[in-house]
């Protein structure tokens, strides 16, 4: 089912653990799902881009770093609040970057011990709605690079 593939791909991107943590998000949240509600919010992405835009995607995925324990340790029953906030920030700030998960670009950045079922369940676990309209444009719209280009020597 295309919807399942979309969710799995988006979550793969989240597991990337190599993009930024965007600003406070306004993504749809169902109810608090996560433990550690006292955690600080995900860090803001580097300046220079308006919400919804990105010069590269890696910094946006860095906000997903708090999710790695949930993705790789079966003993962690729920994602932390900072993990869910990182997902919200990514969705709100640079949803187009989720295309890197859809396209498989982030696969090389995933830890070997990643539980992909947990990755694919993260949006529903966190109560974050994925932007299906944006993700439907992954093959038709330009996507910022995953890793910023190297500066000229």
N, C-alpha and C. Protein backbone atom coordinates (compact mmCIF):
# COMPACT_ATOMS: atom_id res chain seq x y z
N UNK A 1 0.84 -1.17 0.00
CA UNK A 1 0.00 0.00 0.00
C UNK A 1 0.88 1.24 0.00
N UNK A 2 0.58 2.19 -0.81
CA UNK A 2 1.40 3.39 -0.95
C UNK A 2 1.50 4.14 0.36
N UNK A 3 0.41 4.18 1.13
CA UNK A 3 0.41 4.88 2.41
C UNK A 3 1.41 4.25 3.37
N UNK A 4 1.46 2.94 3.44
CA UNK A 4 2.41 2.26 4.31
C UNK A 4 3.84 2.53 3.88
N UNK A 5 4.07 2.54 2.58
CA UNK A 5 5.41 2.81 2.07
C UNK A 5 5.81 4.25 2.42
N UNK A 6 4.87 5.16 2.32
CA UNK A 6 5.13 6.56 2.65
C UNK A 6 5.51 6.70 4.11
N UNK A 7 4.75 6.08 4.99
CA UNK A 7 5.03 6.16 6.42
C UNK A 7 6.39 5.55 6.70
N UNK A 8 6.66 4.38 6.15
CA UNK A 8 7.94 3.72 6.39
C UNK A 8 9.09 4.57 5.88
N UNK A 9 8.93 5.14 4.72
CA UNK A 9 9.99 5.96 4.15
C UNK A 9 10.22 7.21 4.97
N UNK A 10 9.17 7.83 5.41
CA UNK A 10 9.29 9.03 6.23
C UNK A 10 10.02 8.70 7.51
N UNK A 11 9.68 7.60 8.09
CA UNK A 11 10.31 7.24 9.33
C UNK A 11 11.76 6.84 9.15
N UNK A 12 12.08 6.30 8.01
CA UNK A 12 13.48 6.02 7.73
C UNK A 12 14.26 7.32 7.74
N UNK A 13 13.67 8.34 7.19
CA UNK A 13 14.33 9.63 7.16
C UNK A 13 14.56 10.13 8.57
N UNK A 14 13.59 9.91 9.41
CA UNK A 14 13.70 10.36 10.78
C UNK A 14 14.84 9.65 11.49
N UNK A 15 15.00 8.39 11.18
CA UNK A 15 16.05 7.62 11.83
C UNK A 15 17.42 8.01 11.34
N UNK A 16 17.46 8.75 10.31
CA UNK A 16 18.73 9.20 9.74
C UNK A 16 19.66 9.72 10.81
N UNK A 17 19.15 10.47 11.69
CA UNK A 17 19.93 11.02 12.78
C UNK A 17 21.01 11.94 12.25
N UNK A 18 20.68 12.67 11.20
CA UNK A 18 21.73 13.51 10.68
C UNK A 18 21.23 14.78 10.04
N UNK A 19 20.17 15.33 10.55
CA UNK A 19 19.72 16.62 10.05
C UNK A 19 19.39 17.48 11.24
N UNK A 20 18.90 18.68 11.05
CA UNK A 20 18.73 19.54 12.21
C UNK A 20 17.43 19.32 12.91
N UNK A 21 17.34 19.91 14.04
CA UNK A 21 16.11 19.92 14.79
C UNK A 21 15.50 21.29 14.59
N UNK A 22 14.42 21.39 13.90
CA UNK A 22 13.78 22.66 13.59
C UNK A 22 13.14 23.34 14.78
N UNK A 23 12.59 24.50 14.49
CA UNK A 23 11.94 25.31 15.49
C UNK A 23 10.66 24.68 15.97
N UNK A 24 10.03 25.31 16.98
CA UNK A 24 8.80 24.80 17.56
C UNK A 24 7.80 24.53 16.46
N UNK A 25 7.22 23.35 16.47
CA UNK A 25 6.34 22.97 15.39
C UNK A 25 4.89 23.18 15.72
N UNK A 26 4.09 23.16 14.66
CA UNK A 26 2.66 23.26 14.82
C UNK A 26 2.01 22.07 14.13
N UNK A 27 2.73 20.98 13.97
CA UNK A 27 2.17 19.78 13.35
C UNK A 27 1.04 19.26 14.22
N UNK A 28 0.12 18.56 13.60
CA UNK A 28 -1.01 18.02 14.34
C UNK A 28 -0.51 16.97 15.32
N UNK A 29 -0.93 17.13 16.59
CA UNK A 29 -0.60 16.16 17.63
C UNK A 29 -1.88 15.66 18.23
N UNK A 30 -1.96 14.40 18.39
CA UNK A 30 -3.15 13.81 18.97
C UNK A 30 -3.13 14.07 20.48
N UNK A 31 -2.33 13.35 21.20
CA UNK A 31 -2.23 13.50 22.62
C UNK A 31 -0.81 13.16 23.01
N UNK A 32 -0.38 13.60 24.18
CA UNK A 32 0.99 13.27 24.57
C UNK A 32 1.18 11.77 24.59
N UNK A 33 2.23 11.33 23.93
CA UNK A 33 2.47 9.90 23.83
C UNK A 33 3.74 9.51 24.50
N UNK A 34 4.49 10.53 24.80
CA UNK A 34 5.88 10.26 25.06
C UNK A 34 6.23 10.44 26.52
N UNK A 35 7.28 9.74 26.92
CA UNK A 35 7.78 9.94 28.26
C UNK A 35 8.73 11.12 28.26
N UNK A 36 9.26 11.44 29.39
CA UNK A 36 10.24 12.52 29.52
C UNK A 36 9.67 13.86 29.07
N UNK A 37 8.46 14.20 29.49
CA UNK A 37 7.84 15.44 29.06
C UNK A 37 8.61 16.67 29.53
N UNK A 38 9.52 16.49 30.48
CA UNK A 38 10.27 17.63 30.98
C UNK A 38 11.49 17.96 30.11
N UNK A 39 11.72 17.17 29.07
CA UNK A 39 12.88 17.40 28.21
C UNK A 39 12.77 18.74 27.51
N UNK A 40 13.89 19.31 27.19
CA UNK A 40 13.88 20.57 26.47
C UNK A 40 13.46 20.33 25.03
N UNK A 41 12.91 21.38 24.38
CA UNK A 41 12.47 21.21 23.00
C UNK A 41 13.64 20.95 22.07
N UNK A 42 13.32 20.42 20.91
CA UNK A 42 14.34 20.16 19.91
C UNK A 42 15.01 21.46 19.54
N UNK A 43 16.31 21.44 19.25
CA UNK A 43 17.00 22.66 18.87
C UNK A 43 16.48 23.21 17.55
N UNK A 44 16.67 24.49 17.37
CA UNK A 44 16.23 25.13 16.13
C UNK A 44 17.25 24.90 15.04
N UNK A 45 16.79 24.86 13.78
CA UNK A 45 17.74 24.69 12.68
C UNK A 45 18.60 25.93 12.55
N UNK A 46 19.66 25.78 11.83
CA UNK A 46 20.54 26.91 11.64
C UNK A 46 19.82 28.01 10.89
N UNK A 47 20.16 29.26 11.14
CA UNK A 47 19.50 30.36 10.48
C UNK A 47 19.75 30.34 8.98
N UNK A 48 18.92 31.05 8.28
CA UNK A 48 19.15 31.18 6.85
C UNK A 48 18.04 30.62 6.02
N UNK A 49 17.07 29.96 6.63
CA UNK A 49 15.97 29.42 5.85
C UNK A 49 14.67 29.65 6.57
N UNK A 50 13.66 29.99 5.82
CA UNK A 50 12.34 30.16 6.39
C UNK A 50 11.73 28.79 6.63
N UNK A 51 10.77 28.70 7.55
CA UNK A 51 10.11 27.42 7.74
C UNK A 51 9.58 26.90 6.41
N UNK A 52 9.73 25.60 6.20
CA UNK A 52 9.26 25.00 4.97
C UNK A 52 10.33 24.98 3.89
N UNK A 53 11.46 25.62 4.13
CA UNK A 53 12.54 25.62 3.17
C UNK A 53 13.79 25.06 3.83
N UNK A 54 14.71 24.62 3.01
CA UNK A 54 15.95 24.09 3.56
C UNK A 54 17.01 24.18 2.48
N UNK A 55 18.22 24.55 2.90
CA UNK A 55 19.32 24.56 1.94
C UNK A 55 19.94 23.17 1.86
N UNK A 56 19.84 22.41 2.94
CA UNK A 56 20.18 21.00 2.95
C UNK A 56 19.32 20.37 4.04
N UNK A 57 19.19 19.07 4.00
CA UNK A 57 18.26 18.39 4.90
C UNK A 57 18.92 17.77 6.13
N UNK A 58 20.20 17.55 6.09
CA UNK A 58 20.86 16.86 7.20
C UNK A 58 20.61 17.57 8.53
N UNK A 59 20.69 18.88 8.53
CA UNK A 59 20.51 19.60 9.78
C UNK A 59 19.10 19.41 10.33
N UNK A 60 18.11 19.29 9.46
CA UNK A 60 16.73 19.06 9.91
C UNK A 60 16.59 17.69 10.54
N UNK A 61 17.29 16.70 10.02
CA UNK A 61 17.20 15.36 10.57
C UNK A 61 17.91 15.24 11.93
N UNK A 62 18.80 16.14 12.22
CA UNK A 62 19.50 16.10 13.51
C UNK A 62 18.50 16.20 14.67
N UNK A 63 17.38 16.85 14.44
CA UNK A 63 16.35 16.94 15.47
C UNK A 63 15.74 15.59 15.81
N UNK A 64 16.00 14.61 14.98
CA UNK A 64 15.48 13.27 15.21
C UNK A 64 16.45 12.41 16.02
N UNK A 65 17.59 12.93 16.36
CA UNK A 65 18.59 12.19 17.13
C UNK A 65 18.02 11.60 18.42
N UNK A 66 17.15 12.34 19.14
CA UNK A 66 16.59 11.75 20.37
C UNK A 66 15.74 10.50 20.12
N UNK A 67 15.41 10.21 18.89
CA UNK A 67 14.60 9.03 18.57
C UNK A 67 15.43 7.75 18.50
N UNK A 68 16.72 7.87 18.42
CA UNK A 68 17.54 6.70 18.17
C UNK A 68 17.41 5.63 19.25
N UNK A 69 17.28 6.03 20.51
CA UNK A 69 17.08 5.02 21.55
C UNK A 69 15.81 4.23 21.29
N UNK A 70 14.75 4.92 20.92
CA UNK A 70 13.47 4.26 20.63
C UNK A 70 13.59 3.34 19.41
N UNK A 71 14.35 3.78 18.41
CA UNK A 71 14.50 2.98 17.18
C UNK A 71 15.39 1.76 17.36
N UNK A 72 16.31 1.81 18.31
CA UNK A 72 17.32 0.75 18.41
C UNK A 72 17.28 -0.07 19.70
N UNK A 73 16.51 0.34 20.70
CA UNK A 73 16.49 -0.36 21.99
C UNK A 73 15.07 -0.79 22.32
N UNK A 74 14.79 -2.08 22.25
CA UNK A 74 13.45 -2.61 22.53
C UNK A 74 13.00 -2.32 23.95
N UNK A 75 13.95 -2.04 24.84
CA UNK A 75 13.61 -1.72 26.22
C UNK A 75 13.01 -0.33 26.38
N UNK A 76 13.17 0.52 25.38
CA UNK A 76 12.58 1.86 25.40
C UNK A 76 11.18 1.73 24.81
N UNK A 77 10.16 1.82 25.68
CA UNK A 77 8.80 1.53 25.24
C UNK A 77 8.13 2.65 24.46
N UNK A 78 8.48 3.89 24.74
CA UNK A 78 7.86 5.01 24.03
C UNK A 78 8.95 6.01 23.64
N UNK A 79 8.72 6.74 22.56
CA UNK A 79 9.70 7.77 22.19
C UNK A 79 9.64 8.91 23.21
N UNK A 80 10.75 9.57 23.38
CA UNK A 80 10.80 10.71 24.30
C UNK A 80 10.05 11.89 23.70
N UNK A 81 9.69 12.83 24.54
CA UNK A 81 9.00 14.03 24.03
C UNK A 81 9.89 14.79 23.06
N UNK A 82 11.21 14.78 23.30
CA UNK A 82 12.10 15.49 22.38
C UNK A 82 12.16 14.78 21.03
N UNK A 83 11.99 13.48 21.00
CA UNK A 83 11.91 12.75 19.73
C UNK A 83 10.67 13.20 18.96
N UNK A 84 9.53 13.21 19.62
CA UNK A 84 8.29 13.63 18.97
C UNK A 84 8.36 15.09 18.53
N UNK A 85 8.98 15.92 19.35
CA UNK A 85 9.14 17.33 18.98
C UNK A 85 10.06 17.47 17.77
N UNK A 86 11.08 16.62 17.69
CA UNK A 86 11.97 16.63 16.53
C UNK A 86 11.22 16.27 15.25
N UNK A 87 10.34 15.27 15.36
CA UNK A 87 9.52 14.88 14.21
C UNK A 87 8.59 16.02 13.81
N UNK A 88 7.94 16.63 14.79
CA UNK A 88 7.06 17.76 14.51
C UNK A 88 7.82 18.89 13.82
N UNK A 89 9.00 19.17 14.32
CA UNK A 89 9.81 20.25 13.75
C UNK A 89 10.19 19.96 12.31
N UNK A 90 10.57 18.73 12.04
CA UNK A 90 10.93 18.34 10.68
C UNK A 90 9.72 18.49 9.75
N UNK A 91 8.59 18.00 10.18
CA UNK A 91 7.37 18.08 9.38
C UNK A 91 6.97 19.54 9.15
N UNK A 92 7.03 20.34 10.20
CA UNK A 92 6.64 21.75 10.08
C UNK A 92 7.65 22.60 9.32
N UNK A 93 8.94 22.30 9.49
CA UNK A 93 9.97 23.18 8.96
C UNK A 93 10.54 22.80 7.61
N UNK A 94 10.59 21.51 7.31
CA UNK A 94 11.22 21.08 6.05
C UNK A 94 10.67 19.72 5.63
N UNK A 95 9.36 19.64 5.51
CA UNK A 95 8.72 18.37 5.17
C UNK A 95 9.26 17.78 3.87
N UNK A 96 9.67 18.63 2.95
CA UNK A 96 10.20 18.13 1.67
C UNK A 96 11.43 17.25 1.90
N UNK A 97 12.12 17.46 3.01
CA UNK A 97 13.30 16.64 3.31
C UNK A 97 12.93 15.18 3.59
N UNK A 98 11.68 14.93 3.95
CA UNK A 98 11.25 13.55 4.16
C UNK A 98 11.33 12.74 2.88
N UNK A 99 11.43 13.42 1.75
CA UNK A 99 11.59 12.72 0.48
C UNK A 99 12.87 11.88 0.46
N UNK A 100 13.86 12.28 1.23
CA UNK A 100 15.10 11.49 1.28
C UNK A 100 14.83 10.10 1.88
N UNK A 101 13.83 10.00 2.74
CA UNK A 101 13.45 8.69 3.26
C UNK A 101 12.70 7.91 2.19
N UNK A 102 11.82 8.59 1.50
CA UNK A 102 11.03 7.94 0.45
C UNK A 102 11.94 7.40 -0.65
N UNK A 103 12.97 8.15 -0.97
CA UNK A 103 13.87 7.78 -2.06
C UNK A 103 14.99 6.82 -1.62
N UNK A 104 15.10 6.56 -0.33
CA UNK A 104 16.12 5.65 0.17
C UNK A 104 17.48 6.30 0.36
N UNK A 105 17.55 7.61 0.22
CA UNK A 105 18.83 8.31 0.33
C UNK A 105 19.48 8.20 1.71
N UNK A 106 18.68 8.01 2.73
CA UNK A 106 19.24 7.99 4.08
C UNK A 106 19.62 6.60 4.58
N UNK A 107 19.37 5.60 3.80
CA UNK A 107 19.61 4.23 4.24
C UNK A 107 21.02 4.00 4.78
N UNK A 108 22.01 4.62 4.18
CA UNK A 108 23.40 4.42 4.62
C UNK A 108 23.69 5.06 5.97
N UNK A 109 22.78 5.89 6.46
CA UNK A 109 23.00 6.57 7.73
C UNK A 109 22.28 5.88 8.89
N UNK A 110 21.57 4.82 8.60
CA UNK A 110 20.78 4.13 9.62
C UNK A 110 21.66 3.14 10.38
N UNK A 111 21.55 3.12 11.70
CA UNK A 111 22.29 2.12 12.47
C UNK A 111 21.80 0.72 12.11
N UNK A 112 22.68 -0.24 12.18
CA UNK A 112 22.34 -1.62 11.82
C UNK A 112 21.23 -2.17 12.71
N UNK A 113 21.16 -1.70 13.95
CA UNK A 113 20.18 -2.23 14.90
C UNK A 113 18.82 -1.53 14.85
N UNK A 114 18.58 -0.74 13.83
CA UNK A 114 17.32 0.00 13.73
C UNK A 114 16.14 -0.96 13.56
N UNK A 115 15.11 -0.75 14.36
CA UNK A 115 13.86 -1.52 14.25
C UNK A 115 12.93 -0.69 13.36
N UNK A 116 12.83 -1.08 12.09
CA UNK A 116 12.08 -0.29 11.12
C UNK A 116 10.58 -0.26 11.39
N UNK A 117 10.06 -1.23 12.12
CA UNK A 117 8.64 -1.15 12.47
C UNK A 117 8.41 0.01 13.44
N UNK A 118 9.36 0.24 14.33
CA UNK A 118 9.24 1.38 15.25
C UNK A 118 9.39 2.69 14.49
N UNK A 119 10.26 2.69 13.51
CA UNK A 119 10.44 3.89 12.69
C UNK A 119 9.14 4.22 11.98
N UNK A 120 8.52 3.21 11.38
CA UNK A 120 7.30 3.46 10.62
C UNK A 120 6.11 3.80 11.51
N UNK A 121 6.15 3.41 12.77
CA UNK A 121 5.06 3.73 13.70
C UNK A 121 5.21 5.09 14.36
N UNK A 122 6.35 5.74 14.21
CA UNK A 122 6.61 6.97 14.95
C UNK A 122 5.56 8.07 14.72
N UNK A 123 5.16 8.37 13.50
CA UNK A 123 4.16 9.44 13.35
C UNK A 123 2.88 9.16 14.14
N UNK A 124 2.36 7.95 14.09
CA UNK A 124 1.14 7.67 14.84
C UNK A 124 1.42 7.64 16.34
N UNK A 125 2.57 7.13 16.75
CA UNK A 125 2.92 7.09 18.16
C UNK A 125 3.04 8.50 18.74
N UNK A 126 3.59 9.41 17.94
CA UNK A 126 3.75 10.80 18.39
C UNK A 126 2.52 11.65 18.07
N UNK A 127 1.58 11.14 17.30
CA UNK A 127 0.40 11.92 16.94
C UNK A 127 0.72 13.03 15.94
N UNK A 128 1.68 12.79 15.07
CA UNK A 128 2.08 13.79 14.08
C UNK A 128 1.55 13.37 12.71
N UNK A 129 0.80 14.27 12.10
CA UNK A 129 0.27 14.00 10.76
C UNK A 129 1.34 14.26 9.72
N UNK A 130 1.54 13.31 8.84
CA UNK A 130 2.52 13.49 7.77
C UNK A 130 1.88 14.25 6.62
N UNK A 131 2.63 15.12 5.97
CA UNK A 131 2.09 15.94 4.88
C UNK A 131 2.05 15.17 3.57
N UNK A 132 0.98 14.41 3.36
CA UNK A 132 0.87 13.57 2.17
C UNK A 132 1.01 14.39 0.88
N UNK A 133 0.48 15.60 0.88
CA UNK A 133 0.56 16.43 -0.33
C UNK A 133 2.02 16.76 -0.66
N UNK A 134 2.78 17.14 0.34
CA UNK A 134 4.20 17.44 0.11
C UNK A 134 4.93 16.19 -0.33
N UNK A 135 4.71 15.09 0.34
CA UNK A 135 5.42 13.85 0.03
C UNK A 135 5.06 13.30 -1.34
N UNK A 136 3.88 13.64 -1.83
CA UNK A 136 3.50 13.20 -3.17
C UNK A 136 4.30 13.91 -4.25
N UNK A 137 5.00 14.97 -3.88
CA UNK A 137 5.80 15.75 -4.83
C UNK A 137 7.28 15.32 -4.85
N UNK A 138 7.62 14.27 -4.11
CA UNK A 138 9.02 13.87 -4.00
C UNK A 138 9.70 13.61 -5.34
N UNK A 139 8.97 13.11 -6.30
CA UNK A 139 9.60 12.82 -7.58
C UNK A 139 9.37 13.91 -8.62
N UNK A 140 8.60 14.93 -8.25
CA UNK A 140 8.30 15.98 -9.22
C UNK A 140 8.82 17.36 -8.85
N UNK A 141 9.21 17.55 -7.60
CA UNK A 141 9.68 18.84 -7.11
C UNK A 141 11.16 18.73 -6.72
N UNK A 142 11.89 19.84 -6.77
CA UNK A 142 13.28 19.79 -6.29
C UNK A 142 13.33 19.54 -4.78
N UNK A 143 14.28 18.73 -4.38
CA UNK A 143 14.47 18.40 -2.97
C UNK A 143 15.85 18.91 -2.59
N UNK A 144 15.96 19.65 -1.47
CA UNK A 144 17.28 20.10 -1.04
C UNK A 144 18.21 18.90 -0.85
N UNK A 145 19.50 19.08 -1.03
CA UNK A 145 20.42 17.95 -0.85
C UNK A 145 20.38 17.44 0.59
N UNK A 146 20.64 16.17 0.76
CA UNK A 146 20.69 15.58 2.09
C UNK A 146 21.85 16.19 2.87
N UNK A 147 23.00 16.20 2.26
CA UNK A 147 24.21 16.74 2.88
C UNK A 147 24.61 17.98 2.09
N UNK A 148 24.92 19.07 2.80
CA UNK A 148 25.29 20.28 2.07
C UNK A 148 26.53 20.05 1.19
N UNK A 149 26.57 20.69 0.04
CA UNK A 149 27.75 20.53 -0.81
C UNK A 149 29.00 21.07 -0.12
N UNK A 150 30.11 20.48 -0.44
CA UNK A 150 31.38 20.94 0.12
C UNK A 150 31.71 22.32 -0.45
N UNK A 151 32.25 23.19 0.38
CA UNK A 151 32.63 24.51 -0.13
C UNK A 151 33.76 24.36 -1.15
N UNK A 152 33.78 25.25 -2.11
CA UNK A 152 34.86 25.18 -3.10
C UNK A 152 36.23 25.32 -2.44
N UNK A 153 37.16 24.59 -2.95
CA UNK A 153 38.52 24.62 -2.36
C UNK A 153 39.31 25.79 -2.85
